[in-house]
Amino acid sequence: MTTTEALSRTNIFAPDLLECPFPFYRALRAVAPVLRDEATGFYQISGYDLVVQVLRDTENFSNNFAEQLSGGSALPPEIIEAAKEGYPRVNTM
């Protein structure tokens, strides 16, 4: 498995990753500055210039993933359960 494949299969909601995401961020910037997460379908963009480009292009990019968090089957079971218990559906980037 390549590093890019491993990154795309990383559970971005895993507690250890959420606690300290910086090694993951470094790997994204070095290996895959634009990466589609296999489990969620989200695109992860890293690197200042790319992030600025995405933030300025509101016609093609969105931070509206609240719908996905409302119970999409590709999400980990713990996220689906949290959503059922009233997890706030907010847009974020």
PDB file of N, CA and C in Angstrom:
ATOM      1  N   MET A   1       0.844  -1.170   0.000  1.00  0.00           N
ATOM      2  CA  MET A   1       0.000   0.000   0.000  1.00  0.00           C
ATOM      3  C   MET A   1       0.898   1.245   0.000  1.00  0.00           C
ATOM      4  N   THR A   2       0.555   2.208  -0.840  1.00  0.00           N
ATOM      5  CA  THR A   2       1.337   3.441  -0.898  1.00  0.00           C
ATOM      6  C   THR A   2       0.968   4.352   0.269  1.00  0.00           C
ATOM      7  N   THR A   3       1.795   5.337   0.497  1.00  0.00           N
ATOM      8  CA  THR A   3       1.522   6.308   1.564  1.00  0.00           C
ATOM      9  C   THR A   3       0.219   7.044   1.281  1.00  0.00           C
ATOM     10  N   THR A   4      -0.025   7.393   0.033  1.00  0.00           N
ATOM     11  CA  THR A   4      -1.264   8.087  -0.326  1.00  0.00           C
ATOM     12  C   THR A   4      -2.477   7.217  -0.016  1.00  0.00           C
ATOM     13  N   GLU A   5      -2.408   5.932  -0.347  1.00  0.00           N
ATOM     14  CA  GLU A   5      -3.516   5.020  -0.041  1.00  0.00           C
ATOM     15  C   GLU A   5      -3.732   4.937   1.462  1.00  0.00           C
ATOM     16  N   ALA A   6      -2.661   4.839   2.216  1.00  0.00           N
ATOM     17  CA  ALA A   6      -2.773   4.773   3.676  1.00  0.00           C
ATOM     18  C   ALA A   6      -3.402   6.040   4.224  1.00  0.00           C
ATOM     19  N   LEU A   7      -3.004   7.195   3.723  1.00  0.00           N
ATOM     20  CA  LEU A   7      -3.592   8.452   4.179  1.00  0.00           C
ATOM     21  C   LEU A   7      -5.071   8.519   3.849  1.00  0.00           C
ATOM     22  N   SER A   8      -5.450   8.064   2.659  1.00  0.00           N
ATOM     23  CA  SER A   8      -6.858   8.140   2.247  1.00  0.00           C
ATOM     24  C   SER A   8      -7.738   7.190   3.049  1.00  0.00           C
ATOM     25  N   ARG A   9      -7.129   6.205   3.706  1.00  0.00           N
ATOM     26  CA  ARG A   9      -7.891   5.255   4.519  1.00  0.00           C
ATOM     27  C   ARG A   9      -7.837   5.589   6.006  1.00  0.00           C
ATOM     28  N   THR A  10      -7.180   6.668   6.354  1.00  0.00           N
ATOM     29  CA  THR A  10      -7.077   7.078   7.753  1.00  0.00           C
ATOM     30  C   THR A  10      -8.437   7.554   8.242  1.00  0.00           C
ATOM     31  N   ASN A  11      -8.834   7.103   9.409  1.00  0.00           N
ATOM     32  CA  ASN A  11     -10.088   7.550  10.006  1.00  0.00           C
ATOM     33  C   ASN A  11      -9.874   8.953  10.566  1.00  0.00           C
ATOM     34  N   ILE A  12     -10.382   9.961   9.858  1.00  0.00           N
ATOM     35  CA  ILE A  12     -10.155  11.344  10.268  1.00  0.00           C
ATOM     36  C   ILE A  12     -10.907  11.719  11.534  1.00  0.00           C
ATOM     37  N   PHE A  13     -11.771  10.827  12.010  1.00  0.00           N
ATOM     38  CA  PHE A  13     -12.502  11.065  13.257  1.00  0.00           C
ATOM     39  C   PHE A  13     -11.940  10.242  14.419  1.00  0.00           C
ATOM     40  N   ALA A  14     -10.844   9.539  14.206  1.00  0.00           N
ATOM     41  CA  ALA A  14     -10.252   8.716  15.265  1.00  0.00           C
ATOM     42  C   ALA A  14      -9.790   9.619  16.413  1.00  0.00           C
ATOM     43  N   PRO A  15     -10.088   9.236  17.647  1.00  0.00           N
ATOM     44  CA  PRO A  15      -9.718  10.081  18.795  1.00  0.00           C
ATOM     45  C   PRO A  15      -8.245  10.453  18.848  1.00  0.00           C
ATOM     46  N   ASP A  16      -7.355   9.504  18.545  1.00  0.00           N
ATOM     47  CA  ASP A  16      -5.926   9.832  18.610  1.00  0.00           C
ATOM     48  C   ASP A  16      -5.525  10.832  17.537  1.00  0.00           C
ATOM     49  N   LEU A  17      -6.148  10.758  16.366  1.00  0.00           N
ATOM     50  CA  LEU A  17      -5.847  11.720  15.317  1.00  0.00           C
ATOM     51  C   LEU A  17      -6.406  13.097  15.675  1.00  0.00           C
ATOM     52  N   LEU A  18      -7.616  13.123  16.222  1.00  0.00           N
ATOM     53  CA  LEU A  18      -8.200  14.401  16.625  1.00  0.00           C
ATOM     54  C   LEU A  18      -7.400  15.051  17.752  1.00  0.00           C
ATOM     55  N   GLU A  19      -6.827  14.231  18.604  1.00  0.00           N
ATOM     56  CA  GLU A  19      -6.036  14.752  19.721  1.00  0.00           C
ATOM     57  C   GLU A  19      -4.741  15.400  19.227  1.00  0.00           C
ATOM     58  N   CYS A  20      -4.114  14.796  18.237  1.00  0.00           N
ATOM     59  CA  CYS A  20      -2.851  15.344  17.708  1.00  0.00           C
ATOM     60  C   CYS A  20      -2.801  15.096  16.198  1.00  0.00           C
ATOM     61  N   PRO A  21      -3.378  15.990  15.408  1.00  0.00           N
ATOM     62  CA  PRO A  21      -3.445  15.770  13.962  1.00  0.00           C
ATOM     63  C   PRO A  21      -2.204  16.215  13.188  1.00  0.00           C
ATOM     64  N   PHE A  22      -1.234  16.817  13.861  1.00  0.00           N
ATOM     65  CA  PHE A  22      -0.130  17.458  13.148  1.00  0.00           C
ATOM     66  C   PHE A  22       0.746  16.513  12.326  1.00  0.00           C
ATOM     67  N   PRO A  23       1.073  15.308  12.781  1.00  0.00           N
ATOM     68  CA  PRO A  23       1.817  14.388  11.902  1.00  0.00           C
ATOM     69  C   PRO A  23       1.024  14.026  10.633  1.00  0.00           C
ATOM     70  N   PHE A  24      -0.271  13.860  10.795  1.00  0.00           N
ATOM     71  CA  PHE A  24      -1.135  13.571   9.646  1.00  0.00           C
ATOM     72  C   PHE A  24      -1.120  14.759   8.673  1.00  0.00           C
ATOM     73  N   TYR A  25      -1.242  15.973   9.198  1.00  0.00           N
ATOM     74  CA  TYR A  25      -1.196  17.169   8.352  1.00  0.00           C
ATOM     75  C   TYR A  25       0.132  17.264   7.592  1.00  0.00           C
ATOM     76  N   ARG A  26       1.244  16.983   8.281  1.00  0.00           N
ATOM     77  CA  ARG A  26       2.555  17.031   7.631  1.00  0.00           C
ATOM     78  C   ARG A  26       2.616  16.025   6.484  1.00  0.00           C
ATOM     79  N   ALA A  27       2.095  14.831   6.728  1.00  0.00           N
ATOM     80  CA  ALA A  27       2.097  13.802   5.681  1.00  0.00           C
ATOM     81  C   ALA A  27       1.241  14.234   4.498  1.00  0.00           C
ATOM     82  N   LEU A  28       0.092  14.829   4.770  1.00  0.00           N
ATOM     83  CA  LEU A  28      -0.753  15.311   3.674  1.00  0.00           C
ATOM     84  C   LEU A  28      -0.007  16.337   2.828  1.00  0.00           C
ATOM     85  N   ARG A  29       0.590  17.319   3.475  1.00  0.00           N
ATOM     86  CA  ARG A  29       1.293  18.359   2.729  1.00  0.00           C
ATOM     87  C   ARG A  29       2.433  17.771   1.901  1.00  0.00           C
ATOM     88  N   ALA A  30       3.139  16.795   2.443  1.00  0.00           N
ATOM     89  CA  ALA A  30       4.305  16.224   1.763  1.00  0.00           C
ATOM     90  C   ALA A  30       3.935  15.265   0.639  1.00  0.00           C
ATOM     91  N   VAL A  31       2.893  14.474   0.855  1.00  0.00           N
ATOM     92  CA  VAL A  31       2.607  13.371  -0.061  1.00  0.00           C
ATOM     93  C   VAL A  31       1.365  13.591  -0.917  1.00  0.00           C
ATOM     94  N   ALA A  32       0.333  14.158  -0.326  1.00  0.00           N
ATOM     95  CA  ALA A  32      -0.947  14.264  -1.027  1.00  0.00           C
ATOM     96  C   ALA A  32      -1.661  15.554  -0.629  1.00  0.00           C
ATOM     97  N   PRO A  33      -1.244  16.691  -1.184  1.00  0.00           N
ATOM     98  CA  PRO A  33      -1.856  17.951  -0.776  1.00  0.00           C
ATOM     99  C   PRO A  33      -3.342  18.062  -1.114  1.00  0.00           C
ATOM    100  N   VAL A  34      -3.815  17.237  -2.040  1.00  0.00           N
ATOM    101  CA  VAL A  34      -5.250  17.111  -2.310  1.00  0.00           C
ATOM    102  C   VAL A  34      -5.563  15.620  -2.201  1.00  0.00           C
ATOM    103  N   LEU A  35      -6.384  15.274  -1.226  1.00  0.00           N
ATOM    104  CA  LEU A  35      -6.631  13.859  -0.951  1.00  0.00           C
ATOM    105  C   LEU A  35      -8.114  13.624  -0.693  1.00  0.00           C
ATOM    106  N   ARG A  36      -8.679  12.626  -1.347  1.00  0.00           N
ATOM    107  CA  ARG A  36     -10.068  12.247  -1.107  1.00  0.00           C
ATOM    108  C   ARG A  36     -10.084  11.147  -0.050  1.00  0.00           C
ATOM    109  N   ASP A  37     -10.805  11.406   1.036  1.00  0.00           N
ATOM    110  CA  ASP A  37     -10.950  10.436   2.110  1.00  0.00           C
ATOM    111  C   ASP A  37     -11.919   9.350   1.643  1.00  0.00           C
ATOM    112  N   GLU A  38     -11.470   8.109   1.646  1.00  0.00           N
ATOM    113  CA  GLU A  38     -12.290   7.005   1.130  1.00  0.00           C
ATOM    114  C   GLU A  38     -13.567   6.793   1.937  1.00  0.00           C
ATOM    115  N   ALA A  39     -13.499   6.940   3.252  1.00  0.00           N
ATOM    116  CA  ALA A  39     -14.660   6.640   4.096  1.00  0.00           C
ATOM    117  C   ALA A  39     -15.744   7.703   4.006  1.00  0.00           C
ATOM    118  N   THR A  40     -15.356   8.964   3.932  1.00  0.00           N
ATOM    119  CA  THR A  40     -16.343  10.042   3.973  1.00  0.00           C
ATOM    120  C   THR A  40     -16.620  10.662   2.622  1.00  0.00           C
ATOM    121  N   GLY A  41     -15.680  10.526   1.700  1.00  0.00           N
ATOM    122  CA  GLY A  41     -15.805  11.209   0.420  1.00  0.00           C
ATOM    123  C   GLY A  41     -15.350  12.657   0.490  1.00  0.00           C
ATOM    124  N   PHE A  42     -14.930  13.114   1.661  1.00  0.00           N
ATOM    125  CA  PHE A  42     -14.451  14.480   1.827  1.00  0.00           C
ATOM    126  C   PHE A  42     -13.095  14.626   1.138  1.00  0.00           C
ATOM    127  N   TYR A  43     -12.850  15.818   0.641  1.00  0.00           N
ATOM    128  CA  TYR A  43     -11.522  16.136   0.126  1.00  0.00           C
ATOM    129  C   TYR A  43     -10.784  16.904   1.200  1.00  0.00           C
ATOM    130  N   GLN A  44      -9.553  16.521   1.421  1.00  0.00           N
ATOM    131  CA  GLN A  44      -8.692  17.198   2.388  1.00  0.00           C
ATOM    132  C   GLN A  44      -7.646  17.964   1.602  1.00  0.00           C
ATOM    133  N   ILE A  45      -7.616  19.253   1.835  1.00  0.00           N
ATOM    134  CA  ILE A  45      -6.702  20.132   1.129  1.00  0.00           C
ATOM    135  C   ILE A  45      -5.684  20.646   2.133  1.00  0.00           C
ATOM    136  N   SER A  46      -4.409  20.561   1.791  1.00  0.00           N
ATOM    137  CA  SER A  46      -3.377  21.040   2.704  1.00  0.00           C
ATOM    138  C   SER A  46      -2.404  21.925   1.952  1.00  0.00           C
ATOM    139  N   GLY A  47      -1.742  22.759   2.678  1.00  0.00           N
ATOM    140  CA  GLY A  47      -0.819  23.718   2.085  1.00  0.00           C
ATOM    141  C   GLY A  47      -1.511  25.055   1.929  1.00  0.00           C
ATOM    142  N   TYR A  48      -0.862  26.081   2.364  1.00  0.00           N
ATOM    143  CA  TYR A  48      -1.459  27.411   2.428  1.00  0.00           C
ATOM    144  C   TYR A  48      -2.055  27.868   1.100  1.00  0.00           C
ATOM    145  N   ASP A  49      -1.284  27.814   0.027  1.00  0.00           N
ATOM    146  CA  ASP A  49      -1.755  28.324  -1.263  1.00  0.00           C
ATOM    147  C   ASP A  49      -2.987  27.582  -1.761  1.00  0.00           C
ATOM    148  N   LEU A  50      -3.002  26.265  -1.625  1.00  0.00           N
ATOM    149  CA  LEU A  50      -4.169  25.483  -2.051  1.00  0.00           C
ATOM    150  C   LEU A  50      -5.386  25.794  -1.196  1.00  0.00           C
ATOM    151  N   VAL A  51      -5.197  25.919   0.106  1.00  0.00           N
ATOM    152  CA  VAL A  51      -6.319  26.221   1.000  1.00  0.00           C
ATOM    153  C   VAL A  51      -6.909  27.586   0.661  1.00  0.00           C
ATOM    154  N   VAL A  52      -6.070  28.577   0.438  1.00  0.00           N
ATOM    155  CA  VAL A  52      -6.552  29.911   0.071  1.00  0.00           C
ATOM    156  C   VAL A  52      -7.337  29.844  -1.235  1.00  0.00           C
ATOM    157  N   GLN A  53      -6.826  29.108  -2.206  1.00  0.00           N
ATOM    158  CA  GLN A  53      -7.522  28.960  -3.490  1.00  0.00           C
ATOM    159  C   GLN A  53      -8.914  28.354  -3.287  1.00  0.00           C
ATOM    160  N   VAL A  54      -9.002  27.310  -2.490  1.00  0.00           N
ATOM    161  CA  VAL A  54     -10.281  26.650  -2.229  1.00  0.00           C
ATOM    162  C   VAL A  54     -11.231  27.586  -1.486  1.00  0.00           C
ATOM    163  N   LEU A  55     -10.734  28.273  -0.486  1.00  0.00           N
ATOM    164  CA  LEU A  55     -11.581  29.180   0.297  1.00  0.00           C
ATOM    165  C   LEU A  55     -12.167  30.297  -0.552  1.00  0.00           C
ATOM    166  N   ARG A  56     -11.451  30.722  -1.554  1.00  0.00           N
ATOM    167  CA  ARG A  56     -11.921  31.816  -2.410  1.00  0.00           C
ATOM    168  C   ARG A  56     -12.873  31.345  -3.501  1.00  0.00           C
ATOM    169  N   ASP A  57     -12.918  30.058  -3.769  1.00  0.00           N
ATOM    170  CA  ASP A  57     -13.737  29.511  -4.861  1.00  0.00           C
ATOM    171  C   ASP A  57     -15.000  28.865  -4.301  1.00  0.00           C
ATOM    172  N   THR A  58     -15.951  29.697  -3.893  1.00  0.00           N
ATOM    173  CA  THR A  58     -17.170  29.185  -3.261  1.00  0.00           C
ATOM    174  C   THR A  58     -18.143  28.550  -4.257  1.00  0.00           C
ATOM    175  N   GLU A  59     -17.933  28.745  -5.543  1.00  0.00           N
ATOM    176  CA  GLU A  59     -18.807  28.092  -6.524  1.00  0.00           C
ATOM    177  C   GLU A  59     -18.487  26.610  -6.665  1.00  0.00           C
ATOM    178  N   ASN A  60     -17.226  26.246  -6.465  1.00  0.00           N
ATOM    179  CA  ASN A  60     -16.819  24.857  -6.648  1.00  0.00           C
ATOM    180  C   ASN A  60     -16.545  24.103  -5.361  1.00  0.00           C
ATOM    181  N   PHE A  61     -16.385  24.824  -4.256  1.00  0.00           N
ATOM    182  CA  PHE A  61     -16.043  24.173  -2.999  1.00  0.00           C
ATOM    183  C   PHE A  61     -17.002  24.618  -1.913  1.00  0.00           C
ATOM    184  N   SER A  62     -17.268  23.723  -0.975  1.00  0.00           N
ATOM    185  CA  SER A  62     -18.208  24.007   0.100  1.00  0.00           C
ATOM    186  C   SER A  62     -17.703  23.401   1.395  1.00  0.00           C
ATOM    187  N   ASN A  63     -18.120  23.999   2.491  1.00  0.00           N
ATOM    188  CA  ASN A  63     -17.844  23.425   3.804  1.00  0.00           C
ATOM    189  C   ASN A  63     -19.117  22.835   4.386  1.00  0.00           C
ATOM    190  N   ASN A  64     -20.126  22.637   3.559  1.00  0.00           N
ATOM    191  CA  ASN A  64     -21.414  22.124   4.021  1.00  0.00           C
ATOM    192  C   ASN A  64     -21.387  20.603   4.031  1.00  0.00           C
ATOM    193  N   PHE A  65     -20.846  20.038   5.093  1.00  0.00           N
ATOM    194  CA  PHE A  65     -20.860  18.586   5.188  1.00  0.00           C
ATOM    195  C   PHE A  65     -21.769  18.119   6.312  1.00  0.00           C
ATOM    196  N   ALA A  66     -22.603  19.018   6.816  1.00  0.00           N
ATOM    197  CA  ALA A  66     -23.546  18.637   7.862  1.00  0.00           C
ATOM    198  C   ALA A  66     -24.477  17.527   7.382  1.00  0.00           C
ATOM    199  N   GLU A  67     -24.856  17.579   6.117  1.00  0.00           N
ATOM    200  CA  GLU A  67     -25.724  16.529   5.564  1.00  0.00           C
ATOM    201  C   GLU A  67     -25.038  15.176   5.627  1.00  0.00           C
ATOM    202  N   GLN A  68     -23.757  15.138   5.300  1.00  0.00           N
ATOM    203  CA  GLN A  68     -22.997  13.883   5.364  1.00  0.00           C
ATOM    204  C   GLN A  68     -22.938  13.370   6.802  1.00  0.00           C
ATOM    205  N   LEU A  69     -22.785  14.286   7.754  1.00  0.00           N
ATOM    206  CA  LEU A  69     -22.691  13.881   9.152  1.00  0.00           C
ATOM    207  C   LEU A  69     -24.036  13.435   9.729  1.00  0.00           C
ATOM    208  N   SER A  70     -25.113  13.646   8.997  1.00  0.00           N
ATOM    209  CA  SER A  70     -26.427  13.292   9.525  1.00  0.00           C
ATOM    210  C   SER A  70     -26.736  11.808   9.406  1.00  0.00           C
ATOM    211  N   GLY A  71     -25.756  11.012   9.003  1.00  0.00           N
ATOM    212  CA  GLY A  71     -25.979   9.580   9.009  1.00  0.00           C
ATOM    213  C   GLY A  71     -25.596   8.860   7.747  1.00  0.00           C
ATOM    214  N   GLY A  72     -24.747   9.454   6.929  1.00  0.00           N
ATOM    215  CA  GLY A  72     -24.293   8.776   5.723  1.00  0.00           C
ATOM    216  C   GLY A  72     -23.675   7.430   6.061  1.00  0.00           C
ATOM    217  N   SER A  73     -23.966   6.424   5.278  1.00  0.00           N
ATOM    218  CA  SER A  73     -23.538   5.067   5.609  1.00  0.00           C
ATOM    219  C   SER A  73     -22.028   4.891   5.562  1.00  0.00           C
ATOM    220  N   ALA A  74     -21.285   5.799   4.919  1.00  0.00           N
ATOM    221  CA  ALA A  74     -19.842   5.647   4.840  1.00  0.00           C
ATOM    222  C   ALA A  74     -19.133   6.098   6.116  1.00  0.00           C
ATOM    223  N   LEU A  75     -19.883   6.698   7.019  1.00  0.00           N
ATOM    224  CA  LEU A  75     -19.275   7.188   8.251  1.00  0.00           C
ATOM    225  C   LEU A  75     -19.071   6.066   9.251  1.00  0.00           C
ATOM    226  N   PRO A  76     -18.086   6.217  10.125  1.00  0.00           N
ATOM    227  CA  PRO A  76     -17.885   5.221  11.176  1.00  0.00           C
ATOM    228  C   PRO A  76     -19.117   5.139  12.083  1.00  0.00           C
ATOM    229  N   PRO A  77     -19.424   3.969  12.619  1.00  0.00           N
ATOM    230  CA  PRO A  77     -20.625   3.791  13.445  1.00  0.00           C
ATOM    231  C   PRO A  77     -20.700   4.757  14.621  1.00  0.00           C
ATOM    232  N   GLU A  78     -19.561   5.081  15.241  1.00  0.00           N
ATOM    233  CA  GLU A  78     -19.607   5.983  16.393  1.00  0.00           C
ATOM    234  C   GLU A  78     -20.054   7.394  15.997  1.00  0.00           C
ATOM    235  N   ILE A  79     -19.754   7.807  14.785  1.00  0.00           N
ATOM    236  CA  ILE A  79     -20.199   9.117  14.314  1.00  0.00           C
ATOM    237  C   ILE A  79     -21.698   9.090  14.035  1.00  0.00           C
ATOM    238  N   ILE A  80     -22.176   7.998  13.451  1.00  0.00           N
ATOM    239  CA  ILE A  80     -23.617   7.861  13.195  1.00  0.00           C
ATOM    240  C   ILE A  80     -24.378   7.881  14.509  1.00  0.00           C
ATOM    241  N   GLU A  81     -23.876   7.174  15.519  1.00  0.00           N
ATOM    242  CA  GLU A  81     -24.521   7.169  16.842  1.00  0.00           C
ATOM    243  C   GLU A  81     -24.528   8.560  17.463  1.00  0.00           C
ATOM    244  N   ALA A  82     -23.410   9.262  17.362  1.00  0.00           N
ATOM    245  CA  ALA A  82     -23.340  10.624  17.908  1.00  0.00           C
ATOM    246  C   ALA A  82     -24.363  11.515  17.219  1.00  0.00           C
ATOM    247  N   ALA A  83     -24.537  11.361  15.920  1.00  0.00           N
ATOM    248  CA  ALA A  83     -25.515  12.163  15.182  1.00  0.00           C
ATOM    249  C   ALA A  83     -26.939  11.868  15.655  1.00  0.00           C
ATOM    250  N   LYS A  84     -27.239  10.621  15.964  1.00  0.00           N
ATOM    251  CA  LYS A  84     -28.571  10.248  16.453  1.00  0.00           C
ATOM    252  C   LYS A  84     -28.878  10.878  17.806  1.00  0.00           C
ATOM    253  N   GLU A  85     -27.831  11.107  18.590  1.00  0.00           N
ATOM    254  CA  GLU A  85     -28.012  11.665  19.930  1.00  0.00           C
ATOM    255  C   GLU A  85     -28.018  13.187  19.931  1.00  0.00           C
ATOM    256  N   GLY A  86     -28.087  13.782  18.788  1.00  0.00           N
ATOM    257  CA  GLY A  86     -28.191  15.228  18.732  1.00  0.00           C
ATOM    258  C   GLY A  86     -26.892  15.944  18.437  1.00  0.00           C
ATOM    259  N   TYR A  87     -25.964  15.256  17.802  1.00  0.00           N
ATOM    260  CA  TYR A  87     -24.713  15.903  17.409  1.00  0.00           C
ATOM    261  C   TYR A  87     -25.047  17.135  16.576  1.00  0.00           C
ATOM    262  N   PRO A  88     -24.544  18.304  16.947  1.00  0.00           N
ATOM    263  CA  PRO A  88     -24.906  19.515  16.198  1.00  0.00           C
ATOM    264  C   PRO A  88     -24.394  19.460  14.759  1.00  0.00           C
ATOM    265  N   ARG A  89     -25.263  19.724  13.834  1.00  0.00           N
ATOM    266  CA  ARG A  89     -24.915  19.723  12.416  1.00  0.00           C
ATOM    267  C   ARG A  89     -24.536  21.139  12.020  1.00  0.00           C
ATOM    268  N   VAL A  90     -23.256  21.378  11.956  1.00  0.00           N
ATOM    269  CA  VAL A  90     -22.758  22.711  11.636  1.00  0.00           C
ATOM    270  C   VAL A  90     -21.805  22.620  10.459  1.00  0.00           C
ATOM    271  N   ASN A  91     -21.743  23.702   9.702  1.00  0.00           N
ATOM    272  CA  ASN A  91     -20.794  23.775   8.603  1.00  0.00           C
ATOM    273  C   ASN A  91     -19.460  24.213   9.176  1.00  0.00           C
ATOM    274  N   THR A  92     -18.414  23.597   8.693  1.00  0.00           N
ATOM    275  CA  THR A  92     -17.084  23.938   9.162  1.00  0.00           C
ATOM    276  C   THR A  92     -16.090  23.663   8.063  1.00  0.00           C
ATOM    277  N   MET A  93     -14.928  24.177   8.184  1.00  0.00           N
ATOM    278  CA  MET A  93     -13.909  23.934   7.166  1.00  0.00           C
ATOM    279  C   MET A  93     -12.634  23.552   7.859  1.00  0.00           C
TER     280      MET A  93
END
